[in-house]
């Protein structure tokens, strides 16, 4: 045993190590800072310590920069392996993000009337309203 789990616990592991092994965070120190800033919950309760133990069946909620993730622990990790190996450690219950509507290039080009710099057509219309300075 290299210290990942406690003797006799088999399916238990520190939350910081588990988050690192599942590839949810890039390093253990980043996992620890997420935990200490209150962005990690286990079974609905906010985690205070990186040494908090997770076991199979626990629900882990993690607030990342761009999305919130909901995971069910399936197994502890042995190492930080490739994504396929890491995916075996959890079941992802994250609700799908709302589909963002893609704008066509025409829809992107349309702007609200009167906003931004005037177009050439609008400048000509303005020039017709002004008296000639001859």
C-alpha atoms as a PDB file:
ATOM      1  CA  UNK A   1       0.000   0.000   0.000  1.00  0.00           C
ATOM      2  CA  UNK A   2       1.328   3.364  -0.973  1.00  0.00           C
ATOM      3  CA  UNK A   3      -0.974   5.342   1.327  1.00  0.00           C
ATOM      4  CA  UNK A   4      -3.893   6.041  -1.067  1.00  0.00           C
ATOM      5  CA  UNK A   5      -6.391   4.164   1.076  1.00  0.00           C
ATOM      6  CA  UNK A   6      -6.544   3.140   4.665  1.00  0.00           C
ATOM      7  CA  UNK A   7      -5.824  -0.503   5.483  1.00  0.00           C
ATOM      8  CA  UNK A   8      -8.966  -2.593   5.322  1.00  0.00           C
ATOM      9  CA  UNK A   9     -11.030   0.157   3.704  1.00  0.00           C
ATOM     10  CA  UNK A  10     -10.660  -1.158   0.126  1.00  0.00           C
ATOM     11  CA  UNK A  11     -13.029   1.255  -1.589  1.00  0.00           C
ATOM     12  CA  UNK A  12     -12.207   4.490   0.232  1.00  0.00           C
ATOM     13  CA  UNK A  13      -9.941   7.363  -0.796  1.00  0.00           C
ATOM     14  CA  UNK A  14      -9.141  10.997  -0.029  1.00  0.00           C
ATOM     15  CA  UNK A  15     -11.312  13.387  -2.050  1.00  0.00           C
ATOM     16  CA  UNK A  16      -8.327  15.405  -3.334  1.00  0.00           C
ATOM     17  CA  UNK A  17      -6.663  12.276  -4.721  1.00  0.00           C
ATOM     18  CA  UNK A  18      -9.911  10.993  -6.182  1.00  0.00           C
ATOM     19  CA  UNK A  19     -10.583  14.276  -8.017  1.00  0.00           C
ATOM     20  CA  UNK A  20      -7.029  14.196  -9.373  1.00  0.00           C
ATOM     21  CA  UNK A  21      -7.263  10.549 -10.477  1.00  0.00           C
ATOM     22  CA  UNK A  22     -10.610  11.178 -12.229  1.00  0.00           C
ATOM     23  CA  UNK A  23      -8.986  14.024 -14.192  1.00  0.00           C
ATOM     24  CA  UNK A  24     -11.541  16.572 -12.948  1.00  0.00           C
ATOM     25  CA  UNK A  25      -8.654  18.815 -11.841  1.00  0.00           C
ATOM     26  CA  UNK A  26      -5.115  19.115 -13.179  1.00  0.00           C
ATOM     27  CA  UNK A  27      -3.270  18.670  -9.878  1.00  0.00           C
ATOM     28  CA  UNK A  28      -3.824  17.640  -6.275  1.00  0.00           C
ATOM     29  CA  UNK A  29      -2.955  21.119  -5.070  1.00  0.00           C
ATOM     30  CA  UNK A  30      -5.647  22.541  -7.379  1.00  0.00           C
ATOM     31  CA  UNK A  31      -8.082  19.958  -5.981  1.00  0.00           C
ATOM     32  CA  UNK A  32      -7.148  21.048  -2.454  1.00  0.00           C
ATOM     33  CA  UNK A  33      -7.746  24.716  -3.274  1.00  0.00           C
ATOM     34  CA  UNK A  34     -11.171  23.846  -4.782  1.00  0.00           C
ATOM     35  CA  UNK A  35     -12.061  21.964  -1.609  1.00  0.00           C
ATOM     36  CA  UNK A  36     -10.888  24.703   0.744  1.00  0.00           C
ATOM     37  CA  UNK A  37     -12.799  27.362  -1.207  1.00  0.00           C
ATOM     38  CA  UNK A  38     -16.034  25.388  -0.758  1.00  0.00           C
ATOM     39  CA  UNK A  39     -16.571  24.295  -4.362  1.00  0.00           C
ATOM     40  CA  UNK A  40     -16.839  20.564  -3.542  1.00  0.00           C
ATOM     41  CA  UNK A  41     -19.762  18.768  -1.893  1.00  0.00           C
ATOM     42  CA  UNK A  42     -20.056  15.125  -0.910  1.00  0.00           C
ATOM     43  CA  UNK A  43     -23.604  13.826  -0.472  1.00  0.00           C
ATOM     44  CA  UNK A  44     -24.890  17.415  -0.331  1.00  0.00           C
ATOM     45  CA  UNK A  45     -22.524  18.595   2.408  1.00  0.00           C
ATOM     46  CA  UNK A  46     -19.706  21.018   1.738  1.00  0.00           C
ATOM     47  CA  UNK A  47     -16.263  19.493   2.156  1.00  0.00           C
ATOM     48  CA  UNK A  48     -13.841  21.395   4.412  1.00  0.00           C
ATOM     49  CA  UNK A  49     -10.754  19.157   4.346  1.00  0.00           C
ATOM     50  CA  UNK A  50      -8.855  17.602   1.400  1.00  0.00           C
ATOM     51  CA  UNK A  51      -8.444  14.511   3.604  1.00  0.00           C
ATOM     52  CA  UNK A  52     -12.213  13.866   3.569  1.00  0.00           C
ATOM     53  CA  UNK A  53     -12.793  10.230   2.559  1.00  0.00           C
ATOM     54  CA  UNK A  54     -15.049   9.211  -0.348  1.00  0.00           C
ATOM     55  CA  UNK A  55     -16.355   5.707  -0.942  1.00  0.00           C
ATOM     56  CA  UNK A  56     -18.256   3.925  -3.679  1.00  0.00           C
ATOM     57  CA  UNK A  57     -21.799   5.292  -3.961  1.00  0.00           C
ATOM     58  CA  UNK A  58     -21.000   8.810  -2.705  1.00  0.00           C
ATOM     59  CA  UNK A  59     -22.367  11.733  -4.728  1.00  0.00           C
ATOM     60  CA  UNK A  60     -19.713  14.371  -5.470  1.00  0.00           C
ATOM     61  CA  UNK A  61     -20.716  17.829  -6.713  1.00  0.00           C
ATOM     62  CA  UNK A  62     -17.925  19.989  -8.081  1.00  0.00           C
ATOM     63  CA  UNK A  63     -18.201  23.614  -9.215  1.00  0.00           C
ATOM     64  CA  UNK A  64     -15.636  24.141 -11.968  1.00  0.00           C
ATOM     65  CA  UNK A  65     -14.914  27.369 -13.827  1.00  0.00           C
ATOM     66  CA  UNK A  66     -17.194  26.733 -16.794  1.00  0.00           C
ATOM     67  CA  UNK A  67     -19.641  24.139 -15.505  1.00  0.00           C
ATOM     68  CA  UNK A  68     -20.907  22.275 -12.478  1.00  0.00           C
ATOM     69  CA  UNK A  69     -20.322  18.523 -12.384  1.00  0.00           C
ATOM     70  CA  UNK A  70     -22.303  15.844 -10.510  1.00  0.00           C
ATOM     71  CA  UNK A  71     -20.569  12.473 -10.131  1.00  0.00           C
ATOM     72  CA  UNK A  72     -21.249   9.186  -8.371  1.00  0.00           C
ATOM     73  CA  UNK A  73     -18.106   7.480  -7.045  1.00  0.00           C
ATOM     74  CA  UNK A  74     -17.726   3.972  -8.495  1.00  0.00           C
ATOM     75  CA  UNK A  75     -14.218   3.126  -7.288  1.00  0.00           C
ATOM     76  CA  UNK A  76     -11.055   4.659  -5.834  1.00  0.00           C
ATOM     77  CA  UNK A  77      -8.204   5.415  -8.209  1.00  0.00           C
ATOM     78  CA  UNK A  78      -4.808   3.769  -8.278  1.00  0.00           C
ATOM     79  CA  UNK A  79      -3.136   6.363 -10.486  1.00  0.00           C
ATOM     80  CA  UNK A  80      -3.842   9.293 -12.789  1.00  0.00           C
ATOM     81  CA  UNK A  81      -4.237   7.319 -15.987  1.00  0.00           C
ATOM     82  CA  UNK A  82      -5.693   8.153 -19.384  1.00  0.00           C
ATOM     83  CA  UNK A  83      -9.227   9.512 -19.728  1.00  0.00           C
ATOM     84  CA  UNK A  84     -10.717   6.083 -20.497  1.00  0.00           C
ATOM     85  CA  UNK A  85      -9.283   4.667 -17.281  1.00  0.00           C
ATOM     86  CA  UNK A  86     -10.349   7.711 -15.239  1.00  0.00           C
ATOM     87  CA  UNK A  87     -13.926   7.487 -16.563  1.00  0.00           C
ATOM     88  CA  UNK A  88     -14.279   4.047 -14.930  1.00  0.00           C
ATOM     89  CA  UNK A  89     -13.957   5.670 -11.486  1.00  0.00           C
ATOM     90  CA  UNK A  90     -17.253   7.588 -11.677  1.00  0.00           C
ATOM     91  CA  UNK A  91     -20.710   7.840 -13.189  1.00  0.00           C
ATOM     92  CA  UNK A  92     -21.464  11.278 -14.600  1.00  0.00           C
ATOM     93  CA  UNK A  93     -24.921  12.602 -13.621  1.00  0.00           C
ATOM     94  CA  UNK A  94     -24.251  16.152 -14.796  1.00  0.00           C
ATOM     95  CA  UNK A  95     -27.382  17.556 -16.437  1.00  0.00           C
ATOM     96  CA  UNK A  96     -26.781  18.466 -20.091  1.00  0.00           C
ATOM     97  CA  UNK A  97     -26.040  22.115 -20.708  1.00  0.00           C
ATOM     98  CA  UNK A  98     -28.729  24.063 -22.516  1.00  0.00           C
ATOM     99  CA  UNK A  99     -28.210  24.033 -26.232  1.00  0.00           C
ATOM    100  CA  UNK A 100     -26.833  27.350 -27.355  1.00  0.00           C
ATOM    101  CA  UNK A 101     -28.352  28.549 -30.590  1.00  0.00           C
ATOM    102  CA  UNK A 102     -25.759  29.054 -33.294  1.00  0.00           C
ATOM    103  CA  UNK A 103     -26.246  32.290 -35.194  1.00  0.00           C
ATOM    104  CA  UNK A 104     -25.819  32.333 -38.936  1.00  0.00           C
ATOM    105  CA  UNK A 105     -23.393  34.866 -40.398  1.00  0.00           C
ATOM    106  CA  UNK A 106     -26.402  36.940 -41.524  1.00  0.00           C
ATOM    107  CA  UNK A 107     -27.895  36.990 -38.009  1.00  0.00           C
ATOM    108  CA  UNK A 108     -24.529  38.017 -36.582  1.00  0.00           C
ATOM    109  CA  UNK A 109     -24.258  40.915 -39.057  1.00  0.00           C
ATOM    110  CA  UNK A 110     -27.606  42.451 -38.101  1.00  0.00           C
ATOM    111  CA  UNK A 111     -27.400  45.087 -35.397  1.00  0.00           C
ATOM    112  CA  UNK A 112     -30.006  47.072 -33.583  1.00  0.00           C
ATOM    113  CA  UNK A 113     -30.953  50.320 -35.298  1.00  0.00           C
ATOM    114  CA  UNK A 114     -29.061  53.280 -33.927  1.00  0.00           C
ATOM    115  CA  UNK A 115     -26.363  51.254 -32.223  1.00  0.00           C
ATOM    116  CA  UNK A 116     -22.729  51.470 -33.192  1.00  0.00           C
ATOM    117  CA  UNK A 117     -21.157  53.437 -35.972  1.00  0.00           C
ATOM    118  CA  UNK A 118     -23.498  54.648 -38.742  1.00  0.00           C
ATOM    119  CA  UNK A 119     -23.459  52.768 -42.018  1.00  0.00           C
ATOM    120  CA  UNK A 120     -22.702  54.502 -45.314  1.00  0.00           C
ATOM    121  CA  UNK A 121     -26.420  54.490 -46.137  1.00  0.00           C
ATOM    122  CA  UNK A 122     -27.233  56.149 -42.786  1.00  0.00           C
ATOM    123  CA  UNK A 123     -24.501  58.788 -43.314  1.00  0.00           C
ATOM    124  CA  UNK A 124     -25.936  59.681 -46.725  1.00  0.00           C
ATOM    125  CA  UNK A 125     -29.412  60.043 -45.201  1.00  0.00           C
ATOM    126  CA  UNK A 126     -27.977  62.321 -42.517  1.00  0.00           C
ATOM    127  CA  UNK A 127     -26.096  64.389 -45.134  1.00  0.00           C
ATOM    128  CA  UNK A 128     -29.359  64.929 -47.072  1.00  0.00           C
ATOM    129  CA  UNK A 129     -30.927  66.460 -43.956  1.00  0.00           C
ATOM    130  CA  UNK A 130     -28.117  68.979 -43.444  1.00  0.00           C
ATOM    131  CA  UNK A 131     -28.034  72.202 -45.479  1.00  0.00           C
ATOM    132  CA  UNK A 132     -25.271  72.547 -48.087  1.00  0.00           C
ATOM    133  CA  UNK A 133     -22.350  74.631 -46.898  1.00  0.00           C
ATOM    134  CA  UNK A 134     -21.525  76.143 -50.334  1.00  0.00           C
END
